[in-house]
Amino acid sequence: QVQVVESGGGLVQPGGSLRLSCAASGIMLIKYMGWYRQAPGKQRELVAGISSGGTTNYADSVKGRFAISRDNAKNTVYLQMNSLKPEDTAIYYCGVASLAGTGYWGQGTQVTVSS
């Protein structure tokens, strides 16, 4: 049974930090893991991603503030978010792609940046 489970969202003040975690199970040979977000009225967008080899990519809006990392042994990906801004408020989703090309989504975790 495939499961993709995010955790770590919440309410934080501007300038604060949060760390998101995503654990995937039941998926053989994971190629890519990424964090995406969707704000109200907007399309889902890629925030950061990491390949099985450790290559990372980031949206321009989060470069220098967010850092993605991965534990291949645990099939877990993390997103450290620093210097958070109100415009970072969104539902954050974990996306996982297998080597066979199948994609899976988590249920999402809410991140709210507000004073």
C-alpha atoms as a PDB file:
ATOM      1  CA  GLN A   1       0.000   0.000   0.000  1.00  0.00           C
ATOM      2  CA  VAL A   2       1.407   3.352  -1.078  1.00  0.00           C
ATOM      3  CA  GLN A   3       1.478   6.120   1.496  1.00  0.00           C
ATOM      4  CA  VAL A   4       2.871   9.642   1.285  1.00  0.00           C
ATOM      5  CA  VAL A   5       2.491  11.453   4.586  1.00  0.00           C
ATOM      6  CA  GLU A   6       3.475  15.058   5.291  1.00  0.00           C
ATOM      7  CA  SER A   7       3.913  16.647   8.696  1.00  0.00           C
ATOM      8  CA  GLY A   8       5.278  19.810  10.260  1.00  0.00           C
ATOM      9  CA  GLY A   9       2.957  22.547   9.040  1.00  0.00           C
ATOM     10  CA  GLY A  10       1.465  25.173  11.274  1.00  0.00           C
ATOM     11  CA  LEU A  11       1.172  28.858  12.102  1.00  0.00           C
ATOM     12  CA  VAL A  12       4.332  30.930  12.289  1.00  0.00           C
ATOM     13  CA  GLN A  13       5.112  34.637  12.456  1.00  0.00           C
ATOM     14  CA  PRO A  14       6.863  36.408   9.581  1.00  0.00           C
ATOM     15  CA  GLY A  15      10.600  35.789   9.802  1.00  0.00           C
ATOM     16  CA  GLY A  16      10.087  32.495  11.572  1.00  0.00           C
ATOM     17  CA  SER A  17      11.001  28.950  10.587  1.00  0.00           C
ATOM     18  CA  LEU A  18       9.269  25.617  10.034  1.00  0.00           C
ATOM     19  CA  ARG A  19      10.491  22.199   9.018  1.00  0.00           C
ATOM     20  CA  LEU A  20       8.278  19.947   6.927  1.00  0.00           C
ATOM     21  CA  SER A  21       8.752  16.210   6.654  1.00  0.00           C
ATOM     22  CA  CYS A  22       7.389  13.725   4.130  1.00  0.00           C
ATOM     23  CA  ALA A  23       7.655   9.979   4.476  1.00  0.00           C
ATOM     24  CA  ALA A  24       6.880   7.688   1.555  1.00  0.00           C
ATOM     25  CA  SER A  25       6.199   3.982   1.852  1.00  0.00           C
ATOM     26  CA  GLY A  26       5.172   1.224  -0.512  1.00  0.00           C
ATOM     27  CA  ILE A  27       6.964   2.828  -3.469  1.00  0.00           C
ATOM     28  CA  MET A  28       9.822   0.978  -5.108  1.00  0.00           C
ATOM     29  CA  LEU A  29      12.815   2.868  -6.441  1.00  0.00           C
ATOM     30  CA  ILE A  30      11.946   6.496  -5.801  1.00  0.00           C
ATOM     31  CA  LYS A  31      13.541   8.793  -8.371  1.00  0.00           C
ATOM     32  CA  TYR A  32      12.423  12.236  -7.288  1.00  0.00           C
ATOM     33  CA  MET A  33      10.831  13.829  -4.247  1.00  0.00           C
ATOM     34  CA  GLY A  34       9.561  17.360  -4.197  1.00  0.00           C
ATOM     35  CA  TRP A  35       7.597  19.930  -2.266  1.00  0.00           C
ATOM     36  CA  TYR A  36       4.840  21.848  -3.981  1.00  0.00           C
ATOM     37  CA  ARG A  37       2.449  24.461  -2.666  1.00  0.00           C
ATOM     38  CA  GLN A  38      -0.932  25.829  -3.562  1.00  0.00           C
ATOM     39  CA  ALA A  39      -2.264  29.115  -2.258  1.00  0.00           C
ATOM     40  CA  PRO A  40      -5.977  30.004  -2.475  1.00  0.00           C
ATOM     41  CA  GLY A  41      -6.919  30.931  -6.016  1.00  0.00           C
ATOM     42  CA  LYS A  42      -3.534  29.949  -7.416  1.00  0.00           C
ATOM     43  CA  GLN A  43      -2.125  26.970  -9.238  1.00  0.00           C
ATOM     44  CA  ARG A  44       0.036  24.397  -7.511  1.00  0.00           C
ATOM     45  CA  GLU A  45       3.715  25.260  -7.963  1.00  0.00           C
ATOM     46  CA  LEU A  46       7.004  23.538  -7.362  1.00  0.00           C
ATOM     47  CA  VAL A  47       8.836  24.848  -4.297  1.00  0.00           C
ATOM     48  CA  ALA A  48      11.839  22.530  -4.195  1.00  0.00           C
ATOM     49  CA  GLY A  49      12.815  19.099  -5.405  1.00  0.00           C
ATOM     50  CA  ILE A  50      15.589  16.574  -4.968  1.00  0.00           C
ATOM     51  CA  SER A  51      16.638  13.586  -7.041  1.00  0.00           C
ATOM     52  CA  SER A  52      17.837  10.256  -5.708  1.00  0.00           C
ATOM     53  CA  GLY A  53      21.363  11.418  -6.480  1.00  0.00           C
ATOM     54  CA  GLY A  54      20.959  14.577  -4.422  1.00  0.00           C
ATOM     55  CA  THR A  55      20.512  17.141  -7.185  1.00  0.00           C
ATOM     56  CA  THR A  56      18.256  19.924  -5.960  1.00  0.00           C
ATOM     57  CA  ASN A  57      16.160  22.608  -7.615  1.00  0.00           C
ATOM     58  CA  TYR A  58      14.273  25.519  -6.103  1.00  0.00           C
ATOM     59  CA  ALA A  59      11.695  28.080  -7.087  1.00  0.00           C
ATOM     60  CA  ASP A  60      13.291  31.515  -7.387  1.00  0.00           C
ATOM     61  CA  SER A  61      11.006  32.850  -4.673  1.00  0.00           C
ATOM     62  CA  VAL A  62      12.472  30.534  -2.017  1.00  0.00           C
ATOM     63  CA  LYS A  63      16.142  30.381  -2.995  1.00  0.00           C
ATOM     64  CA  GLY A  64      18.355  31.252  -0.049  1.00  0.00           C
ATOM     65  CA  ARG A  65      15.509  30.752   2.449  1.00  0.00           C
ATOM     66  CA  PHE A  66      14.408  27.129   2.000  1.00  0.00           C
ATOM     67  CA  ALA A  67      16.530  23.997   1.948  1.00  0.00           C
ATOM     68  CA  ILE A  68      15.451  20.532   0.837  1.00  0.00           C
ATOM     69  CA  SER A  69      17.148  17.366   2.003  1.00  0.00           C
ATOM     70  CA  ARG A  70      16.499  13.674   1.714  1.00  0.00           C
ATOM     71  CA  ASP A  71      17.149  10.449   3.597  1.00  0.00           C
ATOM     72  CA  ASN A  72      17.088   7.745   0.939  1.00  0.00           C
ATOM     73  CA  ALA A  73      17.251   4.943   3.489  1.00  0.00           C
ATOM     74  CA  LYS A  74      14.026   6.201   5.075  1.00  0.00           C
ATOM     75  CA  ASN A  75      12.360   7.420   1.850  1.00  0.00           C
ATOM     76  CA  THR A  76      11.888  10.725   3.633  1.00  0.00           C
ATOM     77  CA  VAL A  77      12.300  14.270   2.373  1.00  0.00           C
ATOM     78  CA  TYR A  78      12.529  17.421   4.471  1.00  0.00           C
ATOM     79  CA  LEU A  79      11.978  21.084   3.759  1.00  0.00           C
ATOM     80  CA  GLN A  80      13.599  23.562   6.109  1.00  0.00           C
ATOM     81  CA  MET A  81      11.871  26.908   5.677  1.00  0.00           C
ATOM     82  CA  ASN A  82      13.523  30.004   7.126  1.00  0.00           C
ATOM     83  CA  SER A  83      12.728  33.713   6.936  1.00  0.00           C
ATOM     84  CA  LEU A  84       9.127  32.898   6.182  1.00  0.00           C
ATOM     85  CA  LYS A  85       6.945  35.535   4.557  1.00  0.00           C
ATOM     86  CA  PRO A  86       3.163  35.928   4.448  1.00  0.00           C
ATOM     87  CA  GLU A  87       3.282  35.035   0.750  1.00  0.00           C
ATOM     88  CA  ASP A  88       4.611  31.595   1.698  1.00  0.00           C
ATOM     89  CA  THR A  89       1.181  30.810   3.142  1.00  0.00           C
ATOM     90  CA  ALA A  90      -0.232  27.806   1.301  1.00  0.00           C
ATOM     91  CA  ILE A  91      -0.990  24.129   1.518  1.00  0.00           C
ATOM     92  CA  TYR A  92       2.280  22.299   1.005  1.00  0.00           C
ATOM     93  CA  TYR A  93       2.187  18.960  -0.779  1.00  0.00           C
ATOM     94  CA  CYS A  94       4.808  16.286  -1.095  1.00  0.00           C
ATOM     95  CA  GLY A  95       5.145  14.744  -4.531  1.00  0.00           C
ATOM     96  CA  VAL A  96       7.008  11.505  -5.201  1.00  0.00           C
ATOM     97  CA  ALA A  97       7.995  10.046  -8.571  1.00  0.00           C
ATOM     98  CA  SER A  98       9.060   6.449  -8.959  1.00  0.00           C
ATOM     99  CA  LEU A  99      11.706   5.272 -11.373  1.00  0.00           C
ATOM    100  CA  ALA A 100       8.879   3.754 -13.422  1.00  0.00           C
ATOM    101  CA  GLY A 101       7.412   7.213 -13.866  1.00  0.00           C
ATOM    102  CA  THR A 102       4.413   6.935 -11.542  1.00  0.00           C
ATOM    103  CA  GLY A 103       3.607   9.947  -9.397  1.00  0.00           C
ATOM    104  CA  TYR A 104       2.112  10.072  -5.930  1.00  0.00           C
ATOM    105  CA  TRP A 105       0.846  12.914  -3.753  1.00  0.00           C
ATOM    106  CA  GLY A 106       0.458  13.399  -0.055  1.00  0.00           C
ATOM    107  CA  GLN A 107      -2.633  14.907   1.507  1.00  0.00           C
ATOM    108  CA  GLY A 108      -0.979  18.268   2.151  1.00  0.00           C
ATOM    109  CA  THR A 109      -0.086  20.280   5.225  1.00  0.00           C
ATOM    110  CA  GLN A 110      -1.131  23.861   5.888  1.00  0.00           C
ATOM    111  CA  VAL A 111       1.531  26.516   6.401  1.00  0.00           C
ATOM    112  CA  THR A 112       0.297  29.912   7.552  1.00  0.00           C
ATOM    113  CA  VAL A 113       2.638  32.861   7.986  1.00  0.00           C
ATOM    114  CA  SER A 114       0.933  35.642   9.871  1.00  0.00           C
ATOM    115  CA  SER A 115       1.435  37.992  12.781  1.00  0.00           C
END
